[in-house]
Amino acid sequence: MAMKILTVSEITKLIKNLIENSFNEVISVQGEISNLSTSPSGHLYFTLKDSGAQIKVALFRKYLVLNRGYSPKNGDLVVVTGDLTVYEQDGVYQIIAKKIEYSAVGLFYKKFEETKLKLEREGLFDSLRKKQIPLFIKKIAVLTSPSGAAIKDFLKILKDNGVCLKIDLWPVQVQGISAINEIVESIKKVSSYADYDLMILMRGGGSLEDLAIFNEEVIARALVDCPIPTITAIGHERDVTIVDFVADFRSPTPTAAAGVIVERYRQITDLLFDAEKYIIKEMENRLYRSSQRVDNLALKLDKNSPLSKIKRVHTFLALCVETLKNNINLKINELNGKLDYIKAMLKKNTPQVKLNLVKKDIFNLEERMKKDFNKRLSSSLDRIVMFESVLKNIDPENLLKKGYCIAFRDKSVITDVRQISLEDNLEIKMKNGYIHTLVVGKKNLEERNG
């Protein structure tokens, strides 16, 4: 006998009839309100949940009028009385509520408030504790899902605004119990890098259940312990989590977080542009004044004409010109190469030495300065190579590669056998991983030598 093939509408209709016939009387269900929303027509829609399951509820306006003594809120523990049915368009079962009674504060909201109060009493929300978001940002660590829309929107906004900086994506789960330890460990790893200017913990919108992990105390404390300035960008503007209170800066959305970076990038760009204009103007003024001084001295020298005096003055002027060149180069280097084109402009506008009698002396002086500079540069490079060699020899990671290992107890390095006791759990770090071991015996070197 051939199996009958049903359409989606047919199987949904069968399920609807089965549920509604099995629950042909009104039912009362207790649970916690979540994801509460109001339609333009005044109907209420929310999710009723407990620790193990959830069900959708619709409270139409005509029944809402009959429940005027109570205004539902997210986190309330309530008893909903109504009809169990199936909404065929979405293929979900739901309760059409006729009555809703307040019972108590829900477990979700209660836990949220308890955690919030605990951390607030410890001073973890204090603005004086929080670090300033730096103005000049070169490298950012972003903790989020690599496949989510949040990171895509974030990167698009930075790209559209011409923001050029290094962004490292640390992929983490952003939903579910397993994501908690993953986020904490990633925060700790990011904290060990000194070259990050900013860390952003990011997630797109979702239900209260989806965002619940960001109310976990362990994640909040990991953010507090992070030495790098932190920004949270969780959900939508209406979504507020515990990590938002402890972060150095709370951005209502990932898009808004990108806006913070763009604003700081524009500020530093404006500052650099203003500095560039100031330096150009200052160098032009100095060059103009120097040119006038050279012309005036040349006129005086032409009038007095003692040859020896002319040579001394010309030598002094040449040194002044060379000093101006060096000062210009120093100013340009301080701008990290962003003002390189100023060099060319200054070189084009450098006063031409009109005193041909001292050209040879100036050339010889330049050669001596170059040789001295190269000699000092070579010496500095040799010292750098020496220091690099010393640093490599004392690098713990290199010692691990030679067969040494490092013992930890409770994440603290053990340097003396007297620090450990029998049956202690130790963590042994080797070059490519860790070994967890139990101490079954120990011996001091003094005992061994004795």
Protein backbone atom coordinates (compact mmCIF):
# COMPACT_ATOMS: atom_id res chain seq x y z
CA MET A 1 0.00 0.00 0.00
CA ALA A 2 1.45 3.33 -1.08
CA MET A 3 2.08 5.90 1.65
CA LYS A 4 -0.19 8.93 1.41
CA ILE A 5 1.68 12.13 0.72
CA LEU A 6 0.39 15.12 2.67
CA THR A 7 0.86 18.79 1.96
CA VAL A 8 2.24 21.10 4.61
CA SER A 9 -1.22 22.59 5.09
CA GLU A 10 -2.79 19.17 5.48
CA ILE A 11 -0.33 17.89 8.11
CA THR A 12 -0.56 21.19 9.99
CA LYS A 13 -4.36 20.98 9.96
CA LEU A 14 -4.19 17.43 11.35
CA ILE A 15 -1.85 18.52 14.15
CA LYS A 16 -4.08 21.51 14.91
CA ASN A 17 -7.16 19.28 15.18
CA LEU A 18 -5.28 16.77 17.33
CA ILE A 19 -4.08 19.42 19.80
CA GLU A 20 -7.34 21.35 19.99
CA ASN A 21 -9.40 18.17 20.41
CA SER A 22 -7.05 16.92 23.13
CA PHE A 23 -7.22 20.29 24.94
CA ASN A 24 -10.83 21.20 24.31
CA GLU A 25 -11.13 23.17 27.55
CA VAL A 26 -9.31 26.26 28.76
CA ILE A 27 -5.94 25.60 30.38
CA SER A 28 -3.86 27.54 32.90
CA VAL A 29 -0.08 27.62 32.47
CA GLN A 30 2.50 29.23 34.78
CA GLY A 31 5.72 30.67 33.39
CA GLU A 32 7.94 33.71 32.99
CA ILE A 33 7.21 36.44 30.43
CA SER A 34 9.88 37.02 27.77
CA ASN A 35 10.12 38.89 24.45
CA LEU A 36 7.02 40.98 25.21
CA SER A 37 5.82 43.14 22.30
CA THR A 38 2.72 45.18 21.44
CA SER A 39 1.27 45.34 17.92
CA PRO A 40 -0.01 48.60 16.41
CA SER A 41 -3.54 47.31 16.93
CA GLY A 42 -2.95 46.90 20.68
CA HIS A 43 -2.55 43.11 20.89
CA LEU A 44 0.15 41.67 23.19
CA TYR A 45 2.50 38.89 22.09
CA PHE A 46 5.07 37.23 24.34
CA THR A 47 6.82 33.98 25.19
CA LEU A 48 5.95 32.06 28.34
CA LYS A 49 8.93 30.04 29.54
CA ASP A 50 10.43 28.04 32.37
CA SER A 51 13.82 26.37 32.75
CA GLY A 52 12.96 23.58 30.31
CA ALA A 53 10.62 24.88 27.61
CA GLN A 54 8.72 27.84 26.19
CA ILE A 55 5.43 28.53 24.40
CA LYS A 56 4.10 31.55 22.50
CA VAL A 57 1.14 33.50 23.88
CA ALA A 58 -1.20 36.00 22.19
CA LEU A 59 -3.36 38.32 24.35
CA PHE A 60 -5.80 40.18 22.13
CA ARG A 61 -6.90 43.69 22.98
CA LYS A 62 -10.45 42.70 23.86
CA TYR A 63 -9.12 40.41 26.62
CA LEU A 64 -6.47 42.94 27.65
CA VAL A 65 -9.29 45.30 28.66
CA LEU A 66 -10.54 42.64 31.08
CA ASN A 67 -7.09 42.47 32.73
CA ARG A 68 -6.71 46.16 33.55
CA GLY A 69 -5.43 45.52 37.07
CA TYR A 70 -2.07 44.28 35.77
CA SER A 71 0.41 45.42 33.07
CA PRO A 72 2.62 42.53 31.90
CA LYS A 73 6.41 43.05 31.90
CA ASN A 74 9.39 40.97 30.83
CA GLY A 75 10.60 38.85 33.73
CA ASP A 76 7.20 38.57 35.48
CA LEU A 77 6.10 35.14 36.67
CA VAL A 78 2.42 34.82 35.65
CA VAL A 79 -0.42 32.33 35.25
CA VAL A 80 -1.98 32.48 31.77
CA THR A 81 -5.45 31.05 31.21
CA GLY A 82 -6.74 30.46 27.69
CA ASP A 83 -7.13 28.11 24.71
CA LEU A 84 -4.32 25.97 23.30
CA THR A 85 -4.27 26.17 19.51
CA VAL A 86 -2.03 26.02 16.46
CA TYR A 87 -1.19 29.08 14.37
CA GLU A 88 -1.11 27.43 10.98
CA GLN A 89 0.72 30.17 9.10
CA ASP A 90 3.86 29.73 11.23
CA GLY A 91 3.25 26.10 12.16
CA VAL A 92 3.58 26.75 15.92
CA TYR A 93 1.32 25.92 18.83
CA GLN A 94 0.34 28.78 21.13
CA ILE A 95 -2.03 29.92 23.84
CA ILE A 96 -4.77 32.41 23.02
CA ALA A 97 -4.88 34.05 26.44
CA LYS A 98 -8.11 35.23 28.03
CA LYS A 99 -6.76 35.96 31.48
CA ILE A 100 -3.33 36.74 32.89
CA GLU A 101 -2.52 36.87 36.60
CA TYR A 102 0.71 38.14 38.16
CA SER A 103 2.40 35.57 40.39
CA ALA A 104 5.90 36.83 41.20
CA VAL A 105 9.11 38.15 39.73
CA GLY A 106 10.42 35.59 37.26
CA LEU A 107 13.61 33.61 37.85
CA PHE A 108 15.31 35.15 34.83
CA TYR A 109 14.66 38.72 35.94
CA LYS A 110 15.39 37.89 39.58
CA LYS A 111 18.78 36.42 38.71
CA PHE A 112 19.52 39.45 36.52
CA GLU A 113 18.76 41.88 39.36
CA GLU A 114 20.70 39.83 41.93
CA THR A 115 23.79 39.73 39.74
CA LYS A 116 23.47 43.40 38.91
CA LEU A 117 23.14 44.38 42.59
CA LYS A 118 26.08 42.19 43.61
CA LEU A 119 28.47 43.63 41.04
CA GLU A 120 27.25 47.17 41.64
CA ARG A 121 27.98 46.84 45.37
CA GLU A 122 31.51 45.73 44.51
CA GLY A 123 31.97 48.98 42.58
CA LEU A 124 32.33 47.28 39.19
CA PHE A 125 29.87 49.73 37.59
CA ASP A 126 31.76 52.79 38.91
CA SER A 127 32.73 55.14 36.08
CA LEU A 128 35.97 56.01 37.91
CA ARG A 129 37.09 52.39 37.48
CA LYS A 130 36.48 52.34 33.77
CA LYS A 131 39.20 53.00 31.19
CA GLN A 132 38.93 55.70 28.56
CA ILE A 133 38.42 54.60 24.96
CA PRO A 134 41.63 55.77 23.20
CA LEU A 135 41.45 58.43 20.54
CA PHE A 136 44.16 56.90 18.34
CA ILE A 137 43.17 53.29 17.63
CA LYS A 138 45.48 51.11 15.52
CA LYS A 139 44.43 47.53 16.36
CA ILE A 140 41.10 46.08 17.60
CA ALA A 141 40.12 42.61 18.83
CA VAL A 142 36.47 41.76 18.05
CA LEU A 143 34.84 38.82 19.86
CA THR A 144 31.75 37.67 17.97
CA SER A 145 30.33 35.03 15.65
CA PRO A 146 32.19 35.14 12.31
CA SER A 147 29.00 34.24 10.41
CA GLY A 148 26.66 36.75 12.07
CA ALA A 149 25.27 39.91 10.51
CA ALA A 150 26.75 41.98 13.35
CA ILE A 151 30.38 41.66 12.22
CA LYS A 152 29.42 42.15 8.58
CA ASP A 153 27.56 45.39 9.34
CA PHE A 154 30.41 46.54 11.60
CA LEU A 155 33.08 46.00 8.92
CA LYS A 156 30.90 47.53 6.18
CA ILE A 157 30.48 50.78 8.11
CA LEU A 158 34.23 51.02 8.75
CA LYS A 159 34.95 50.36 5.08
CA ASP A 160 32.33 52.83 3.82
CA ASN A 161 33.88 55.54 6.01
CA GLY A 162 37.44 54.85 4.86
CA VAL A 163 38.67 53.68 8.27
CA CYS A 164 42.06 51.99 7.96
CA LEU A 165 43.13 49.95 10.99
CA LYS A 166 43.88 46.33 11.88
CA ILE A 167 40.94 44.23 13.11
CA ASP A 168 41.46 40.72 14.52
CA LEU A 169 38.28 38.61 14.60
CA TRP A 170 38.21 36.20 17.56
CA PRO A 171 35.44 33.75 16.62
CA VAL A 172 33.23 32.74 19.56
CA GLN A 173 29.77 31.37 20.06
CA VAL A 174 27.38 34.11 21.17
CA GLN A 175 24.48 31.95 22.31
CA GLY A 176 24.00 28.93 24.55
CA ILE A 177 25.65 27.63 27.73
CA SER A 178 28.75 26.37 25.89
CA ALA A 179 29.48 29.92 24.74
CA ILE A 180 30.14 31.19 28.28
CA ASN A 181 33.52 29.53 28.84
CA GLU A 182 34.50 30.13 25.23
CA ILE A 183 33.92 33.90 25.61
CA VAL A 184 35.73 34.03 28.97
CA GLU A 185 38.76 32.19 27.61
CA SER A 186 38.89 34.43 24.53
CA ILE A 187 38.78 37.55 26.72
CA LYS A 188 41.69 36.20 28.77
CA LYS A 189 43.70 35.41 25.64
CA VAL A 190 43.07 38.87 24.16
CA SER A 191 44.13 40.39 27.49
CA SER A 192 47.56 38.76 27.13
CA TYR A 193 48.31 40.75 23.97
CA ALA A 194 49.77 44.19 24.64
CA ASP A 195 49.34 45.51 21.10
CA TYR A 196 45.53 45.75 21.16
CA ASP A 197 44.17 49.26 21.67
CA LEU A 198 40.55 48.13 22.06
CA MET A 199 38.42 44.98 22.53
CA ILE A 200 34.77 44.78 21.38
CA LEU A 201 32.35 42.07 22.56
CA MET A 202 29.64 41.99 19.92
CA ARG A 203 26.36 40.21 19.10
CA GLY A 204 23.39 41.05 16.92
CA GLY A 205 19.78 41.18 18.07
CA GLY A 206 17.87 38.26 19.52
CA SER A 207 15.43 37.20 22.19
CA LEU A 208 16.10 37.61 25.91
CA GLU A 209 17.03 33.93 26.00
CA ASP A 210 19.51 34.38 23.17
CA LEU A 211 21.19 37.25 25.05
CA ALA A 212 21.05 35.56 28.48
CA ILE A 213 24.71 34.49 28.49
CA PHE A 214 25.77 38.13 28.57
CA ASN A 215 24.19 38.37 32.03
CA GLU A 216 26.61 35.76 33.36
CA GLU A 217 28.79 37.00 36.23
CA VAL A 218 31.87 35.12 34.99
CA ILE A 219 31.83 36.99 31.65
CA ALA A 220 31.31 40.31 33.43
CA ARG A 221 34.29 39.69 35.72
CA ALA A 222 36.47 38.68 32.77
CA LEU A 223 35.70 42.05 31.17
CA VAL A 224 36.52 43.85 34.43
CA ASP A 225 39.91 42.09 34.61
CA CYS A 226 40.76 42.92 30.99
CA PRO A 227 43.56 45.54 30.89
CA ILE A 228 42.47 46.65 27.43
CA PRO A 229 39.65 49.24 27.04
CA THR A 230 36.40 47.37 26.26
CA ILE A 231 33.21 48.12 24.34
CA THR A 232 30.07 45.97 24.43
CA ALA A 233 27.66 46.01 21.49
CA ILE A 234 24.95 43.49 22.35
CA GLY A 235 21.60 43.21 20.58
CA HIS A 236 19.48 46.27 19.94
CA GLU A 237 19.26 49.58 21.78
CA ARG A 238 16.51 48.29 24.08
CA ASP A 239 18.60 45.27 25.14
CA VAL A 240 20.66 45.87 28.29
CA THR A 241 22.80 43.11 29.79
CA ILE A 242 25.11 42.81 32.80
CA VAL A 243 28.24 43.09 30.63
CA ASP A 244 27.02 46.49 29.42
CA PHE A 245 27.26 47.81 32.99
CA VAL A 246 30.88 46.67 33.55
CA ALA A 247 32.27 47.48 30.10
CA ASP A 248 34.29 50.66 29.72
CA PHE A 249 31.80 51.80 27.08
CA ARG A 250 28.37 50.45 26.15
CA SER A 251 27.32 50.75 22.54
CA PRO A 252 23.61 50.03 21.93
CA THR A 253 24.26 48.10 18.71
CA PRO A 254 27.20 46.73 16.66
CA THR A 255 26.45 49.44 14.10
CA ALA A 256 26.75 52.11 16.79
CA ALA A 257 30.06 50.58 17.91
CA ALA A 258 31.37 51.03 14.39
CA GLY A 259 30.19 54.64 14.59
CA VAL A 260 32.35 55.15 17.72
CA ILE A 261 35.43 53.92 15.82
CA VAL A 262 34.59 56.09 12.81
CA GLU A 263 34.19 59.18 14.99
CA ARG A 264 37.56 58.65 16.66
CA TYR A 265 39.20 57.97 13.30
CA ARG A 266 37.83 61.24 11.97
CA GLN A 267 39.03 63.11 15.05
CA ILE A 268 42.60 61.82 14.75
CA THR A 269 42.53 62.50 11.00
CA ASP A 270 41.47 66.08 11.66
CA LEU A 271 44.21 66.46 14.26
CA LEU A 272 46.84 65.14 11.85
CA PHE A 273 45.56 67.41 9.10
CA ASP A 274 45.73 70.43 11.43
CA ALA A 275 49.22 69.42 12.54
CA GLU A 276 50.25 69.05 8.92
CA LYS A 277 48.99 72.54 8.08
CA TYR A 278 50.71 73.98 11.16
CA ILE A 279 54.07 72.37 10.33
CA ILE A 280 53.92 73.46 6.71
CA LYS A 281 53.09 77.00 7.75
CA GLU A 282 55.78 77.03 10.44
CA MET A 283 58.44 75.67 8.09
CA GLU A 284 57.48 78.15 5.38
CA ASN A 285 57.80 80.99 7.89
CA ARG A 286 61.16 79.72 9.10
CA LEU A 287 62.43 79.29 5.56
CA TYR A 288 61.21 82.78 4.63
CA ARG A 289 62.89 84.34 7.67
CA SER A 290 66.08 82.38 7.01
CA SER A 291 66.10 83.46 3.37
CA GLN A 292 65.74 87.09 4.40
CA ARG A 293 68.53 86.68 6.92
CA VAL A 294 70.81 85.10 4.31
CA ASP A 295 70.09 87.95 1.87
CA ASN A 296 70.76 90.60 4.53
CA LEU A 297 74.00 88.97 5.61
CA ALA A 298 75.09 88.62 2.01
CA LEU A 299 74.58 92.37 1.51
CA LYS A 300 76.60 93.16 4.64
CA LEU A 301 79.36 90.82 3.56
CA ASP A 302 79.48 92.39 0.12
CA LYS A 303 79.92 95.78 1.78
CA ASN A 304 82.62 94.73 4.29
CA SER A 305 84.33 92.17 2.03
CA PRO A 306 86.97 90.69 4.39
CA LEU A 307 87.46 87.21 2.96
CA SER A 308 87.94 85.41 6.27
CA LYS A 309 84.82 86.99 7.77
CA ILE A 310 82.82 86.01 4.73
CA LYS A 311 83.90 82.38 5.05
CA ARG A 312 82.96 82.20 8.74
CA VAL A 313 79.54 83.75 8.11
CA HIS A 314 78.90 81.51 5.11
CA THR A 315 79.84 78.43 7.12
CA PHE A 316 77.43 79.49 9.90
CA LEU A 317 74.63 80.03 7.40
CA ALA A 318 75.24 76.63 5.83
CA LEU A 319 74.97 75.01 9.25
CA CYS A 320 71.69 76.88 9.85
CA VAL A 321 70.31 75.58 6.56
CA GLU A 322 71.35 72.02 7.45
CA THR A 323 69.75 72.35 10.91
CA LEU A 324 66.51 73.46 9.29
CA LYS A 325 66.57 70.39 7.05
CA ASN A 326 67.11 68.07 10.03
CA ASN A 327 64.28 69.72 12.01
CA ILE A 328 61.93 69.30 9.07
CA ASN A 329 62.78 65.58 8.82
CA LEU A 330 62.23 65.09 12.57
CA LYS A 331 58.79 66.71 12.38
CA ILE A 332 57.82 64.52 9.45
CA ASN A 333 58.94 61.32 11.24
CA GLU A 334 56.86 62.25 14.29
CA LEU A 335 53.73 62.03 12.12
CA ASN A 336 54.47 58.33 11.39
CA GLY A 337 54.97 58.86 7.70
CA LYS A 338 51.52 60.48 7.19
CA LEU A 339 53.12 63.75 6.15
CA ASP A 340 55.74 62.36 3.77
CA TYR A 341 54.76 64.67 0.98
CA ILE A 342 55.87 67.63 3.16
CA LYS A 343 59.47 66.54 2.61
CA ALA A 344 59.19 66.99 -1.12
CA MET A 345 57.52 70.37 -0.69
CA LEU A 346 60.21 71.55 1.73
CA LYS A 347 62.98 70.26 -0.51
CA LYS A 348 61.50 72.16 -3.45
CA ASN A 349 61.32 75.34 -1.36
CA THR A 350 64.74 75.03 0.34
CA PRO A 351 66.69 78.30 -0.20
CA GLN A 352 69.36 77.81 -2.78
CA VAL A 353 72.81 78.64 -1.52
CA LYS A 354 73.84 81.60 -3.54
CA LEU A 355 77.31 81.91 -2.11
CA ASN A 356 79.30 79.75 -4.55
CA LEU A 357 82.59 80.36 -2.79
CA VAL A 358 81.76 77.92 0.04
CA LYS A 359 80.14 75.09 -1.93
CA LYS A 360 83.15 72.85 -1.48
CA ASP A 361 83.24 73.41 2.30
CA ILE A 362 79.51 72.65 2.59
CA PHE A 363 79.90 69.43 0.58
CA ASN A 364 82.79 68.25 2.76
CA LEU A 365 80.78 69.02 5.90
CA GLU A 366 77.82 67.00 4.60
CA GLU A 367 80.07 64.03 3.83
CA ARG A 368 81.54 64.06 7.35
CA MET A 369 78.04 64.21 8.86
CA LYS A 370 76.89 61.26 6.73
CA LYS A 371 79.88 59.16 7.76
CA ASP A 372 79.29 59.96 11.43
CA PHE A 373 75.60 59.12 11.10
CA ASN A 374 76.32 55.79 9.35
CA LYS A 375 78.86 54.92 12.00
CA ARG A 376 76.36 55.59 14.81
CA LEU A 377 73.62 53.75 12.92
CA SER A 378 75.84 50.69 12.46
CA SER A 379 76.71 50.73 16.16
CA SER A 380 73.02 50.98 17.13
CA LEU A 381 72.09 48.09 14.81
CA ASP A 382 74.82 45.93 16.35
CA ARG A 383 73.42 46.67 19.82
CA ILE A 384 69.91 45.81 18.66
CA VAL A 385 71.10 42.44 17.26
CA MET A 386 72.90 41.76 20.56
CA PHE A 387 69.79 42.62 22.60
CA GLU A 388 67.59 40.44 20.36
CA SER A 389 69.96 37.51 20.90
CA VAL A 390 69.85 38.01 24.68
CA LEU A 391 66.03 38.26 24.67
CA LYS A 392 65.72 35.07 22.63
CA ASN A 393 68.01 33.19 25.05
CA ILE A 394 65.88 34.16 28.06
CA ASP A 395 62.50 33.72 26.34
CA PRO A 396 60.54 31.05 28.29
CA GLU A 397 59.02 29.76 25.02
CA ASN A 398 62.53 29.00 23.64
CA LEU A 399 63.42 27.19 26.88
CA LEU A 400 60.30 25.05 26.40
CA LYS A 401 61.46 24.12 22.89
CA LYS A 402 64.75 22.83 24.41
CA GLY A 403 62.89 20.29 26.53
CA TYR A 404 62.30 22.31 29.65
CA CYS A 405 58.83 22.65 31.11
CA ILE A 406 57.00 24.94 33.55
CA ALA A 407 54.86 23.66 36.44
CA PHE A 408 51.75 25.52 37.60
CA ARG A 409 49.47 25.03 40.60
CA ASP A 410 46.24 27.03 40.57
CA LYS A 411 47.69 29.01 37.62
CA SER A 412 50.76 30.08 39.71
CA VAL A 413 54.29 29.11 38.63
CA ILE A 414 56.05 26.66 41.00
CA THR A 415 59.67 27.62 41.64
CA ASP A 416 60.39 25.53 44.76
CA VAL A 417 59.52 21.89 45.52
CA ARG A 418 58.44 23.05 48.98
CA GLN A 419 55.52 24.90 47.38
CA ILE A 420 53.74 21.62 46.57
CA SER A 421 52.25 18.82 48.63
CA LEU A 422 51.39 15.22 47.91
CA GLU A 423 48.19 14.75 45.86
CA ASP A 424 48.37 18.33 44.54
CA ASN A 425 47.02 18.71 40.99
CA LEU A 426 49.68 20.29 38.80
CA GLU A 427 49.58 21.65 35.24
CA ILE A 428 52.82 21.09 33.28
CA LYS A 429 53.33 23.43 30.30
CA MET A 430 55.48 22.07 27.46
CA LYS A 431 56.28 23.56 24.08
CA ASN A 432 53.13 22.22 22.39
CA GLY A 433 50.58 21.81 25.18
CA TYR A 434 49.84 21.07 28.83
CA ILE A 435 49.96 17.94 31.02
CA HIS A 436 47.74 17.63 34.12
CA THR A 437 49.40 15.44 36.79
CA LEU A 438 48.93 14.39 40.42
CA VAL A 439 51.87 14.62 42.87
CA VAL A 440 52.54 11.15 44.33
CA GLY A 441 56.00 11.88 45.66
CA LYS A 442 58.63 14.59 46.02
CA LYS A 443 62.24 14.95 47.13
CA ASN A 444 64.28 18.04 48.02
CA LEU A 445 67.73 18.41 46.47
CA GLU A 446 69.13 18.85 50.00
CA GLU A 447 67.68 15.46 51.01
CA ARG A 448 69.01 13.88 47.82
CA ASN A 449 72.49 15.31 48.28
CA GLY A 450 72.46 14.24 51.93
